[in-house]
Amino acid sequence: MKKEFKFFDDPENVRKFRRVFYMVCVVLLIVDLVVPKHGYFFWENWPGFYAAYGFVACVSLVLAAKHILRRIVKRREDYYD
């Protein structure tokens, strides 16, 4: 029988992964503040613009899927009866 690799079942591994994730986020924020940007529009040069834009886009997609697309795709409970 094949042994399953369950890395995220151990709380210590999850804690380590979370620390590494936060450190990577801080490093990316520092890099974003240091590296010069050459955006086409003026707001593209704002610090953290792409992070905020990505966050808003992700939240918008989730909310659209939950409230708008669900009404289109969801079927009645007895649809297959």
N, C-alpha and C. Protein backbone atom coordinates (compact mmCIF):
# COMPACT_ATOMS: atom_id res chain seq x y z
N MET A 1 0.84 -1.17 0.00
CA MET A 1 0.00 0.00 0.00
C MET A 1 0.89 1.25 0.00
N LYS A 2 0.48 2.23 -0.79
CA LYS A 2 1.26 3.45 -0.91
C LYS A 2 1.01 4.38 0.29
N LYS A 3 2.09 4.86 0.86
CA LYS A 3 1.97 5.76 2.01
C LYS A 3 1.68 7.17 1.50
N GLU A 4 0.66 7.81 2.09
CA GLU A 4 0.28 9.17 1.69
C GLU A 4 1.14 10.19 2.42
N PHE A 5 1.48 11.23 1.71
CA PHE A 5 2.26 12.31 2.28
C PHE A 5 1.29 13.39 2.74
N LYS A 6 1.21 13.57 4.05
CA LYS A 6 0.27 14.53 4.61
C LYS A 6 1.04 15.62 5.35
N PHE A 7 1.59 16.53 4.58
CA PHE A 7 2.42 17.59 5.13
C PHE A 7 1.63 18.55 5.99
N PHE A 8 0.43 18.91 5.56
CA PHE A 8 -0.37 19.92 6.25
C PHE A 8 -1.23 19.35 7.37
N ASP A 9 -1.10 18.08 7.66
CA ASP A 9 -1.83 17.51 8.79
C ASP A 9 -1.15 17.82 10.11
N ASP A 10 0.13 18.08 10.08
CA ASP A 10 0.88 18.39 11.29
C ASP A 10 0.81 19.90 11.55
N PRO A 11 0.30 20.32 12.71
CA PRO A 11 0.19 21.76 13.00
C PRO A 11 1.53 22.49 12.99
N GLU A 12 2.60 21.82 13.34
CA GLU A 12 3.93 22.45 13.31
C GLU A 12 4.33 22.79 11.87
N ASN A 13 4.02 21.91 10.93
CA ASN A 13 4.33 22.19 9.52
C ASN A 13 3.50 23.35 9.00
N VAL A 14 2.26 23.43 9.42
CA VAL A 14 1.41 24.54 9.01
C VAL A 14 1.96 25.85 9.56
N ARG A 15 2.41 25.83 10.80
CA ARG A 15 2.99 27.03 11.42
C ARG A 15 4.24 27.47 10.66
N LYS A 16 5.10 26.51 10.29
CA LYS A 16 6.32 26.83 9.53
C LYS A 16 5.97 27.40 8.15
N PHE A 17 5.02 26.77 7.50
CA PHE A 17 4.60 27.24 6.18
C PHE A 17 4.05 28.66 6.27
N ARG A 18 3.26 28.94 7.28
CA ARG A 18 2.68 30.27 7.45
C ARG A 18 3.78 31.31 7.69
N ARG A 19 4.79 30.97 8.50
CA ARG A 19 5.91 31.89 8.74
C ARG A 19 6.66 32.19 7.44
N VAL A 20 6.95 31.17 6.68
CA VAL A 20 7.65 31.35 5.41
C VAL A 20 6.80 32.20 4.46
N PHE A 21 5.51 31.94 4.43
CA PHE A 21 4.61 32.71 3.58
C PHE A 21 4.62 34.19 3.95
N TYR A 22 4.54 34.50 5.24
CA TYR A 22 4.56 35.90 5.69
C TYR A 22 5.91 36.55 5.40
N MET A 23 7.00 35.81 5.57
CA MET A 23 8.31 36.36 5.26
C MET A 23 8.43 36.69 3.77
N VAL A 24 7.93 35.82 2.92
CA VAL A 24 7.95 36.08 1.48
C VAL A 24 7.12 37.31 1.15
N CYS A 25 5.97 37.47 1.81
CA CYS A 25 5.13 38.65 1.59
C CYS A 25 5.86 39.93 1.99
N VAL A 26 6.56 39.91 3.12
CA VAL A 26 7.31 41.09 3.56
C VAL A 26 8.44 41.40 2.58
N VAL A 27 9.15 40.38 2.13
CA VAL A 27 10.24 40.59 1.16
C VAL A 27 9.69 41.19 -0.13
N LEU A 28 8.56 40.69 -0.60
CA LEU A 28 7.97 41.24 -1.82
C LEU A 28 7.51 42.67 -1.63
N LEU A 29 7.01 43.01 -0.45
CA LEU A 29 6.62 44.38 -0.17
C LEU A 29 7.85 45.30 -0.18
N ILE A 30 8.94 44.86 0.41
CA ILE A 30 10.17 45.65 0.42
C ILE A 30 10.69 45.82 -1.01
N VAL A 31 10.66 44.77 -1.78
CA VAL A 31 11.11 44.84 -3.18
C VAL A 31 10.23 45.81 -3.96
N ASP A 32 8.92 45.79 -3.68
CA ASP A 32 7.99 46.69 -4.37
C ASP A 32 8.30 48.14 -4.04
N LEU A 33 8.73 48.43 -2.82
CA LEU A 33 9.05 49.79 -2.44
C LEU A 33 10.40 50.26 -3.00
N VAL A 34 11.31 49.33 -3.25
CA VAL A 34 12.68 49.69 -3.66
C VAL A 34 12.83 49.74 -5.18
N VAL A 35 12.26 48.80 -5.88
CA VAL A 35 12.44 48.71 -7.33
C VAL A 35 11.62 49.79 -8.02
N PRO A 36 12.24 50.56 -8.91
CA PRO A 36 11.48 51.61 -9.62
C PRO A 36 10.53 50.99 -10.64
N LYS A 37 9.36 51.61 -10.73
CA LYS A 37 8.33 51.11 -11.66
C LYS A 37 8.17 52.12 -12.79
N HIS A 38 7.79 51.63 -13.94
CA HIS A 38 7.56 52.49 -15.10
C HIS A 38 6.18 52.18 -15.66
N GLY A 39 5.17 52.58 -14.92
CA GLY A 39 3.80 52.30 -15.33
C GLY A 39 3.32 53.24 -16.40
N TYR A 40 2.33 52.79 -17.13
CA TYR A 40 1.74 53.61 -18.18
C TYR A 40 0.85 54.68 -17.57
N PHE A 41 0.06 54.31 -16.55
CA PHE A 41 -0.79 55.25 -15.84
C PHE A 41 -0.13 55.65 -14.53
N PHE A 42 -0.48 56.81 -13.98
CA PHE A 42 0.19 57.30 -12.78
C PHE A 42 -0.09 56.43 -11.56
N TRP A 43 -1.27 55.80 -11.49
CA TRP A 43 -1.59 54.99 -10.32
C TRP A 43 -0.84 53.67 -10.30
N GLU A 44 -0.27 53.27 -11.41
CA GLU A 44 0.54 52.05 -11.42
C GLU A 44 1.85 52.22 -10.66
N ASN A 45 2.25 53.44 -10.40
CA ASN A 45 3.48 53.71 -9.66
C ASN A 45 3.26 53.79 -8.16
N TRP A 46 2.02 53.73 -7.70
CA TRP A 46 1.73 53.77 -6.27
C TRP A 46 2.27 52.50 -5.61
N PRO A 47 2.83 52.62 -4.41
CA PRO A 47 3.32 51.42 -3.71
C PRO A 47 2.16 50.49 -3.36
N GLY A 48 2.31 49.23 -3.70
CA GLY A 48 1.30 48.22 -3.37
C GLY A 48 0.09 48.24 -4.28
N PHE A 49 0.15 48.95 -5.40
CA PHE A 49 -1.01 49.03 -6.29
C PHE A 49 -1.41 47.66 -6.82
N TYR A 50 -0.44 46.89 -7.29
CA TYR A 50 -0.78 45.59 -7.88
C TYR A 50 -1.27 44.60 -6.83
N ALA A 51 -0.78 44.70 -5.61
CA ALA A 51 -1.28 43.83 -4.54
C ALA A 51 -2.73 44.17 -4.23
N ALA A 52 -3.03 45.46 -4.13
CA ALA A 52 -4.41 45.89 -3.85
C ALA A 52 -5.33 45.53 -5.02
N TYR A 53 -4.86 45.75 -6.23
CA TYR A 53 -5.64 45.43 -7.42
C TYR A 53 -5.96 43.93 -7.49
N GLY A 54 -4.97 43.10 -7.22
CA GLY A 54 -5.18 41.65 -7.21
C GLY A 54 -6.14 41.22 -6.12
N PHE A 55 -6.01 41.82 -4.94
CA PHE A 55 -6.91 41.47 -3.84
C PHE A 55 -8.36 41.85 -4.17
N VAL A 56 -8.55 43.06 -4.68
CA VAL A 56 -9.90 43.50 -5.04
C VAL A 56 -10.47 42.63 -6.15
N ALA A 57 -9.66 42.27 -7.13
CA ALA A 57 -10.12 41.42 -8.22
C ALA A 57 -10.52 40.04 -7.71
N CYS A 58 -9.74 39.47 -6.81
CA CYS A 58 -10.04 38.16 -6.25
C CYS A 58 -11.34 38.19 -5.45
N VAL A 59 -11.49 39.19 -4.59
CA VAL A 59 -12.70 39.30 -3.79
C VAL A 59 -13.92 39.52 -4.70
N SER A 60 -13.76 40.33 -5.73
CA SER A 60 -14.86 40.57 -6.67
C SER A 60 -15.28 39.30 -7.38
N LEU A 61 -14.31 38.50 -7.79
CA LEU A 61 -14.65 37.23 -8.46
C LEU A 61 -15.40 36.28 -7.53
N VAL A 62 -14.96 36.20 -6.29
CA VAL A 62 -15.62 35.32 -5.33
C VAL A 62 -17.04 35.79 -5.07
N LEU A 63 -17.22 37.09 -4.87
CA LEU A 63 -18.56 37.62 -4.60
C LEU A 63 -19.46 37.47 -5.83
N ALA A 64 -18.92 37.69 -7.01
CA ALA A 64 -19.72 37.50 -8.23
C ALA A 64 -20.13 36.04 -8.38
N ALA A 65 -19.23 35.12 -8.10
CA ALA A 65 -19.57 33.71 -8.20
C ALA A 65 -20.62 33.32 -7.17
N LYS A 66 -20.52 33.90 -6.00
CA LYS A 66 -21.44 33.53 -4.93
C LYS A 66 -22.83 34.11 -5.14
N HIS A 67 -22.92 35.35 -5.56
CA HIS A 67 -24.22 36.01 -5.61
C HIS A 67 -24.84 36.08 -7.00
N ILE A 68 -24.06 36.18 -8.03
CA ILE A 68 -24.62 36.34 -9.37
C ILE A 68 -24.62 35.03 -10.14
N LEU A 69 -23.45 34.39 -10.25
CA LEU A 69 -23.34 33.18 -11.06
C LEU A 69 -24.06 31.99 -10.43
N ARG A 70 -24.21 32.00 -9.11
CA ARG A 70 -24.90 30.90 -8.44
C ARG A 70 -26.34 30.81 -8.91
N ARG A 71 -26.98 31.95 -9.13
CA ARG A 71 -28.38 31.95 -9.60
C ARG A 71 -28.50 31.38 -11.00
N ILE A 72 -27.46 31.54 -11.81
CA ILE A 72 -27.50 31.05 -13.18
C ILE A 72 -27.23 29.54 -13.23
N VAL A 73 -26.29 29.06 -12.44
CA VAL A 73 -25.83 27.67 -12.52
C VAL A 73 -26.62 26.74 -11.62
N LYS A 74 -27.05 27.22 -10.47
CA LYS A 74 -27.70 26.36 -9.48
C LYS A 74 -29.04 25.84 -9.98
N ARG A 75 -29.31 24.59 -9.70
CA ARG A 75 -30.57 23.94 -10.07
C ARG A 75 -31.38 23.60 -8.83
N ARG A 76 -32.65 23.33 -9.05
CA ARG A 76 -33.52 22.92 -7.94
C ARG A 76 -33.05 21.59 -7.38
N GLU A 77 -33.47 21.31 -6.16
CA GLU A 77 -33.06 20.06 -5.51
C GLU A 77 -33.56 18.83 -6.24
N ASP A 78 -34.74 18.91 -6.82
CA ASP A 78 -35.34 17.75 -7.51
C ASP A 78 -35.09 17.80 -9.02
N TYR A 79 -34.06 18.45 -9.46
CA TYR A 79 -33.76 18.61 -10.87
C TYR A 79 -33.53 17.26 -11.56
N TYR A 80 -32.84 16.33 -10.91
CA TYR A 80 -32.51 15.04 -11.51
C TYR A 80 -33.55 13.96 -11.23
N ASP A 81 -34.60 14.29 -10.55
CA ASP A 81 -35.65 13.28 -10.25
C ASP A 81 -36.58 13.08 -11.40
